[in-house]
């Protein structure tokens, strides 16, 4: 029996999303997470919690700077209570443009990493006050200050304890920070097992040393591209989608470290130049079969369990994969857990 946990995601406040989450649990998935894209990530979670029993629920990820940490703490605490201790609060910074121009977040963008670190610490302090481990709310940081909590506004302790806090990270600071203060790392989809093993894990270990923690207590959650399906046509459609997303992310210089470790940085620069002119079709054509193999899990359903273990067994603690309700997932997950 493998130790790796298999998660999936659903999005949107709808009975269909809740039903898909329920089906995912029935098939053997270990967690259902909600993203923050064109819909709120928190609103679907009560419906999902109501339709499931033991599966983890959570955000992967919610934008960290668009809500007060106190507001975030109340939401996460309520969801932890309602789900009987299954809540995971996944947080990420989002990029500068979206913070400033989509959310109108006004702060000095020079320090998003330290700000996210402080937000995690602030949340932990608030959780300690809620849980009764700290008598007074007294957090005085560089970005956040909290000093008022009366009995009327304290929701009180939970039998399950506080929810886990995961953070998303790509660069060196964020990866060390995850090892230092977080319960888990949400690894980007533009990632490979090689990059995880040679770059991410050592930085998590360095961060854990800074925080005097055991790096094994930091959950590594991968989210690779998935190419599967019962017919070649289905797999080809997913393959093309994966190539498009690899090309899109590969055109962003922030992610070129991942390409460089495989010797593909020159392709990344070509993608970057093509992206300036919106040449998306030409960009996709630059993505090679080796690149798809590195970034994606690709196999027909009857070989999918073996491919998951070959790619990420011993590399990640959890892996989030797309789930559309297809019946073959029942057997894939049974094979993984047998």
Protein backbone atom coordinates (compact mmCIF):
# COMPACT_ATOMS: atom_id res chain seq x y z
CA UNK A 1 0.00 0.00 0.00
CA UNK A 2 1.39 3.36 -1.02
CA UNK A 3 1.69 6.28 1.39
CA UNK A 4 1.00 8.87 -1.30
CA UNK A 5 -2.40 10.56 -1.04
CA UNK A 6 -4.38 11.42 -4.14
CA UNK A 7 -6.40 14.63 -4.21
CA UNK A 8 -8.52 16.41 -6.77
CA UNK A 9 -10.13 19.81 -7.21
CA UNK A 10 -13.61 21.12 -7.86
CA UNK A 11 -14.68 24.69 -8.44
CA UNK A 12 -17.83 26.69 -8.11
CA UNK A 13 -20.71 26.93 -5.66
CA UNK A 14 -23.05 24.31 -7.12
CA UNK A 15 -24.72 21.01 -6.35
CA UNK A 16 -22.71 19.54 -9.24
CA UNK A 17 -19.42 20.43 -7.56
CA UNK A 18 -20.59 18.95 -4.27
CA UNK A 19 -21.73 15.78 -6.05
CA UNK A 20 -18.38 15.44 -7.81
CA UNK A 21 -16.62 15.80 -4.43
CA UNK A 22 -18.86 13.10 -2.95
CA UNK A 23 -18.09 10.82 -5.87
CA UNK A 24 -14.38 11.51 -5.49
CA UNK A 25 -14.54 10.36 -1.87
CA UNK A 26 -16.52 7.24 -2.82
CA UNK A 27 -13.86 6.35 -5.39
CA UNK A 28 -11.05 6.77 -2.84
CA UNK A 29 -9.62 10.26 -3.29
CA UNK A 30 -8.10 11.64 -0.08
CA UNK A 31 -8.81 15.36 -0.54
CA UNK A 32 -10.90 17.82 -2.50
CA UNK A 33 -9.55 21.34 -2.94
CA UNK A 34 -10.99 24.51 -4.44
CA UNK A 35 -9.00 27.08 -6.44
CA UNK A 36 -9.37 30.85 -6.52
CA UNK A 37 -9.73 31.66 -10.21
CA UNK A 38 -13.03 33.09 -11.45
CA UNK A 39 -14.97 32.04 -8.34
CA UNK A 40 -14.58 32.25 -4.57
CA UNK A 41 -12.64 29.31 -3.10
CA UNK A 42 -14.34 29.26 0.31
CA UNK A 43 -18.03 29.26 -0.62
CA UNK A 44 -18.12 25.71 -2.08
CA UNK A 45 -16.43 24.14 0.96
CA UNK A 46 -19.47 23.90 3.29
CA UNK A 47 -21.40 22.09 0.55
CA UNK A 48 -18.45 19.76 -0.01
CA UNK A 49 -18.07 19.12 3.72
CA UNK A 50 -21.77 18.33 4.00
CA UNK A 51 -21.61 15.79 1.19
CA UNK A 52 -18.43 14.03 2.38
CA UNK A 53 -17.33 12.19 5.53
CA UNK A 54 -13.58 11.79 6.01
CA UNK A 55 -11.99 13.44 3.00
CA UNK A 56 -9.79 16.51 3.45
CA UNK A 57 -11.23 19.75 2.12
CA UNK A 58 -9.47 23.03 1.57
CA UNK A 59 -8.33 25.89 -0.60
CA UNK A 60 -5.54 25.34 -3.08
CA UNK A 61 -5.05 28.17 -3.11
CA UNK A 62 -6.82 31.22 -1.70
CA UNK A 63 -5.19 34.60 -2.36
CA UNK A 64 -3.45 35.63 0.86
CA UNK A 65 -3.39 39.41 0.64
CA UNK A 66 -6.98 40.06 -0.48
CA UNK A 67 -8.50 39.27 2.94
CA UNK A 68 -7.54 40.25 6.46
CA UNK A 69 -5.85 37.38 8.33
CA UNK A 70 -8.58 37.71 10.97
CA UNK A 71 -11.29 37.25 8.33
CA UNK A 72 -9.35 34.28 6.95
CA UNK A 73 -8.98 32.84 10.45
CA UNK A 74 -12.73 32.97 11.15
CA UNK A 75 -13.56 31.29 7.83
CA UNK A 76 -10.97 28.55 8.29
CA UNK A 77 -12.05 27.97 11.90
CA UNK A 78 -15.72 27.65 10.93
CA UNK A 79 -14.84 25.21 8.13
CA UNK A 80 -12.60 23.19 10.45
CA UNK A 81 -15.50 22.88 12.90
CA UNK A 82 -18.09 22.09 10.22
CA UNK A 83 -15.90 19.46 8.54
CA UNK A 84 -14.92 17.77 11.83
CA UNK A 85 -11.26 18.65 11.44
CA UNK A 86 -10.72 18.08 7.71
CA UNK A 87 -9.92 21.67 6.67
CA UNK A 88 -6.62 22.71 5.06
CA UNK A 89 -6.07 26.42 4.43
CA UNK A 90 -3.89 26.80 1.34
CA UNK A 91 -2.59 30.32 0.69
CA UNK A 92 -0.64 31.97 -2.11
CA UNK A 93 0.53 35.46 -2.95
CA UNK A 94 -0.80 35.78 -6.54
CA UNK A 95 1.23 38.10 -8.78
CA UNK A 96 1.62 41.86 -8.41
CA UNK A 97 -0.65 42.81 -11.32
CA UNK A 98 -3.63 40.87 -10.04
CA UNK A 99 -3.16 42.12 -6.48
CA UNK A 100 -2.97 45.74 -7.54
CA UNK A 101 -5.23 45.90 -10.59
CA UNK A 102 -7.82 43.15 -10.01
CA UNK A 103 -8.10 43.23 -6.22
CA UNK A 104 -6.87 46.79 -5.48
CA UNK A 105 -4.53 45.52 -2.78
CA UNK A 106 -2.40 48.48 -1.72
CA UNK A 107 0.98 47.67 -0.16
CA UNK A 108 4.69 47.71 -0.88
CA UNK A 109 5.10 44.82 -3.32
CA UNK A 110 8.83 44.55 -2.64
CA UNK A 111 8.24 42.04 0.17
CA UNK A 112 5.44 39.58 -0.76
CA UNK A 113 7.41 36.66 0.71
CA UNK A 114 7.97 38.18 4.15
CA UNK A 115 4.35 39.38 4.13
CA UNK A 116 3.05 35.86 3.48
CA UNK A 117 5.35 34.46 6.17
CA UNK A 118 4.00 36.98 8.65
CA UNK A 119 0.44 36.16 7.65
CA UNK A 120 1.05 32.50 8.47
CA UNK A 121 2.49 33.48 11.85
CA UNK A 122 -0.43 35.83 12.50
CA UNK A 123 -2.92 33.09 11.67
CA UNK A 124 -1.16 30.69 14.01
CA UNK A 125 -1.30 33.26 16.81
CA UNK A 126 -5.01 33.89 16.19
CA UNK A 127 -5.65 30.14 16.14
CA UNK A 128 -3.80 29.81 19.47
CA UNK A 129 -6.07 32.47 20.96
CA UNK A 130 -9.19 30.75 19.62
CA UNK A 131 -7.94 27.40 20.95
CA UNK A 132 -7.10 28.82 24.38
CA UNK A 133 -3.36 28.27 24.10
CA UNK A 134 -2.78 32.04 24.32
CA UNK A 135 -4.71 34.25 26.74
CA UNK A 136 -4.39 37.52 24.83
CA UNK A 137 -4.41 38.50 21.19
CA UNK A 138 -1.10 40.30 20.86
CA UNK A 139 0.51 40.20 17.43
CA UNK A 140 2.68 43.12 16.38
CA UNK A 141 4.37 42.52 13.05
CA UNK A 142 5.72 44.58 10.21
CA UNK A 143 2.55 44.14 8.14
CA UNK A 144 -0.18 43.05 10.57
CA UNK A 145 -1.16 44.07 14.06
CA UNK A 146 -3.87 42.36 16.16
CA UNK A 147 -4.58 43.33 19.76
CA UNK A 148 -8.34 43.16 20.43
CA UNK A 149 -10.24 39.94 21.10
CA UNK A 150 -13.15 39.87 23.53
CA UNK A 151 -14.97 36.75 24.71
CA UNK A 152 -17.96 37.63 22.53
CA UNK A 153 -15.87 37.43 19.37
CA UNK A 154 -13.74 34.40 20.27
CA UNK A 155 -15.26 31.25 18.69
CA UNK A 156 -13.58 29.02 21.24
CA UNK A 157 -11.55 25.80 20.99
CA UNK A 158 -12.05 22.93 18.58
CA UNK A 159 -11.72 19.28 19.54
CA UNK A 160 -9.83 18.70 16.29
CA UNK A 161 -7.48 21.61 16.86
CA UNK A 162 -6.65 24.34 14.31
CA UNK A 163 -6.66 23.74 10.55
CA UNK A 164 -3.41 23.07 8.73
CA UNK A 165 -1.84 25.95 6.76
CA UNK A 166 -0.20 25.27 3.40
CA UNK A 167 1.51 27.86 1.23
CA UNK A 168 2.22 28.00 -2.48
CA UNK A 169 5.80 28.72 -3.47
CA UNK A 170 8.12 28.74 -6.47
CA UNK A 171 11.17 30.85 -5.67
CA UNK A 172 13.92 30.17 -3.12
CA UNK A 173 12.53 32.44 -0.40
CA UNK A 174 9.03 30.94 -0.58
CA UNK A 175 10.31 27.37 -0.50
CA UNK A 176 12.49 28.05 2.54
CA UNK A 177 9.61 29.87 4.17
CA UNK A 178 7.34 26.85 3.66
CA UNK A 179 9.87 24.69 5.45
CA UNK A 180 10.21 27.28 8.21
CA UNK A 181 6.58 28.01 9.14
CA UNK A 182 4.01 26.10 7.03
CA UNK A 183 2.38 22.68 7.35
CA UNK A 184 2.64 22.05 3.64
CA UNK A 185 3.77 23.31 0.25
CA UNK A 186 1.44 23.58 -2.74
CA UNK A 187 3.80 22.94 -5.62
CA UNK A 188 3.05 24.65 -8.91
CA UNK A 189 1.78 22.65 -11.89
CA UNK A 190 4.85 23.85 -13.80
CA UNK A 191 7.11 21.51 -11.89
CA UNK A 192 8.80 18.15 -12.41
CA UNK A 193 9.90 15.28 -10.15
CA UNK A 194 13.54 16.15 -10.94
CA UNK A 195 13.08 19.77 -9.89
CA UNK A 196 11.26 18.65 -6.74
CA UNK A 197 14.02 16.26 -5.77
CA UNK A 198 17.00 18.48 -6.60
CA UNK A 199 15.71 21.97 -5.75
CA UNK A 200 12.49 22.02 -3.75
CA UNK A 201 13.27 19.36 -1.16
CA UNK A 202 16.70 20.76 -0.21
CA UNK A 203 15.21 24.25 0.22
CA UNK A 204 12.38 22.86 2.36
CA UNK A 205 15.02 21.16 4.50
CA UNK A 206 16.98 24.41 4.81
CA UNK A 207 13.83 26.25 5.89
CA UNK A 208 13.00 23.52 8.39
CA UNK A 209 16.45 23.91 9.93
CA UNK A 210 15.82 27.65 10.29
CA UNK A 211 12.55 26.95 12.09
CA UNK A 212 14.03 24.05 14.10
CA UNK A 213 11.45 21.73 12.57
CA UNK A 214 11.36 18.26 11.04
CA UNK A 215 11.13 18.66 7.24
CA UNK A 216 9.10 15.44 7.12
CA UNK A 217 6.30 17.35 8.84
CA UNK A 218 5.97 19.64 5.80
CA UNK A 219 3.55 18.02 3.35
CA UNK A 220 4.63 18.26 -0.30
CA UNK A 221 1.58 18.49 -2.55
CA UNK A 222 2.22 18.14 -6.30
CA UNK A 223 -0.24 19.04 -9.06
CA UNK A 224 1.17 17.79 -12.37
CA UNK A 225 -0.61 17.92 -15.69
CA UNK A 226 -2.60 14.75 -16.39
CA UNK A 227 -2.98 12.95 -19.69
CA UNK A 228 -5.29 9.94 -19.57
CA UNK A 229 -8.54 8.62 -20.97
CA UNK A 230 -9.95 5.43 -22.40
CA UNK A 231 -9.32 6.38 -26.03
CA UNK A 232 -6.35 7.85 -27.87
CA UNK A 233 -8.53 10.77 -28.95
CA UNK A 234 -9.24 11.61 -25.30
CA UNK A 235 -5.56 11.38 -24.43
CA UNK A 236 -4.55 13.47 -27.44
CA UNK A 237 -6.94 16.24 -26.40
CA UNK A 238 -5.45 16.27 -22.89
CA UNK A 239 -1.93 16.12 -24.37
CA UNK A 240 -2.55 19.21 -26.45
CA UNK A 241 -3.99 21.04 -23.46
CA UNK A 242 -0.92 20.10 -21.40
CA UNK A 243 1.40 21.34 -24.18
CA UNK A 244 -0.46 24.65 -24.30
CA UNK A 245 -0.15 25.13 -20.56
CA UNK A 246 3.52 24.12 -20.56
CA UNK A 247 4.13 26.67 -23.32
CA UNK A 248 2.21 29.36 -21.42
CA UNK A 249 4.06 28.86 -18.13
CA UNK A 250 7.36 28.27 -19.91
CA UNK A 251 7.11 31.70 -21.51
CA UNK A 252 7.28 33.31 -18.06
CA UNK A 253 10.86 33.92 -16.96
CA UNK A 254 9.89 33.39 -13.31
CA UNK A 255 9.59 29.69 -14.08
CA UNK A 256 12.74 29.29 -16.17
CA UNK A 257 14.66 27.68 -13.30
CA UNK A 258 12.48 24.61 -13.81
CA UNK A 259 13.38 24.52 -17.51
CA UNK A 260 17.07 25.19 -16.85
CA UNK A 261 17.54 22.11 -14.67
CA UNK A 262 16.44 20.03 -17.66
CA UNK A 263 18.55 21.96 -20.18
CA UNK A 264 15.53 23.72 -21.75
CA UNK A 265 16.18 27.33 -20.80
CA UNK A 266 16.78 28.29 -24.45
CA UNK A 267 13.31 26.97 -25.29
CA UNK A 268 11.96 29.09 -22.44
CA UNK A 269 13.52 32.21 -23.93
CA UNK A 270 12.05 31.36 -27.35
CA UNK A 271 8.65 30.93 -25.73
CA UNK A 272 9.04 34.27 -23.97
CA UNK A 273 9.80 36.09 -27.21
CA UNK A 274 6.89 34.44 -29.04
CA UNK A 275 4.51 35.30 -26.19
CA UNK A 276 5.20 39.01 -26.69
CA UNK A 277 3.52 38.75 -30.10
CA UNK A 278 0.80 36.36 -28.97
CA UNK A 279 2.06 33.53 -31.16
CA UNK A 280 0.40 30.82 -29.06
CA UNK A 281 0.24 28.13 -31.75
CA UNK A 282 3.93 28.50 -32.53
CA UNK A 283 4.69 28.36 -28.81
CA UNK A 284 2.87 25.04 -28.41
CA UNK A 285 4.87 23.57 -31.28
CA UNK A 286 8.08 24.21 -29.34
CA UNK A 287 6.99 21.91 -26.50
CA UNK A 288 8.71 18.57 -27.09
CA UNK A 289 7.62 15.06 -26.15
CA UNK A 290 10.39 15.00 -23.50
CA UNK A 291 8.98 18.15 -21.95
CA UNK A 292 5.49 16.66 -21.82
CA UNK A 293 6.93 13.52 -20.22
CA UNK A 294 8.68 15.59 -17.55
CA UNK A 295 5.75 17.84 -16.64
CA UNK A 296 2.82 15.43 -17.03
CA UNK A 297 1.62 12.05 -15.86
CA UNK A 298 0.56 10.25 -19.03
CA UNK A 299 -0.97 6.78 -19.21
CA UNK A 300 -4.19 4.99 -20.16
CA UNK A 301 -6.38 4.22 -17.12
CA UNK A 302 -5.16 0.63 -16.70
CA UNK A 303 -1.55 1.87 -16.39
CA UNK A 304 -2.23 5.10 -14.52
CA UNK A 305 -1.61 3.84 -10.97
CA UNK A 306 1.83 2.50 -11.92
CA UNK A 307 2.70 5.75 -13.72
CA UNK A 308 1.68 7.86 -10.70
CA UNK A 309 3.95 5.81 -8.45
CA UNK A 310 6.81 5.77 -10.96
CA UNK A 311 6.71 9.56 -11.28
CA UNK A 312 5.91 10.74 -7.76
CA UNK A 313 6.35 7.82 -5.38
CA UNK A 314 8.88 8.98 -2.78
CA UNK A 315 8.86 12.46 -4.33
CA UNK A 316 5.58 13.97 -3.06
CA UNK A 317 3.33 13.21 -0.10
CA UNK A 318 0.17 14.12 -1.98
CA UNK A 319 -0.66 14.60 -5.64
CA UNK A 320 -3.63 16.55 -7.00
CA UNK A 321 -5.04 15.22 -10.27
CA UNK A 322 -7.96 16.25 -12.46
CA UNK A 323 -11.12 14.18 -11.94
CA UNK A 324 -14.14 14.27 -14.21
CA UNK A 325 -16.20 11.51 -12.61
CA UNK A 326 -14.98 8.75 -14.96
CA UNK A 327 -15.62 5.30 -13.51
CA UNK A 328 -12.08 4.06 -14.17
CA UNK A 329 -10.83 6.20 -11.28
CA UNK A 330 -12.42 3.71 -8.88
CA UNK A 331 -10.04 0.97 -10.03
CA UNK A 332 -7.05 3.32 -10.30
CA UNK A 333 -7.41 4.38 -6.68
CA UNK A 334 -8.13 0.84 -5.47
CA UNK A 335 -4.90 -0.29 -7.13
CA UNK A 336 -2.95 2.55 -5.51
CA UNK A 337 -4.30 1.70 -2.06
CA UNK A 338 -3.99 -2.07 -2.34
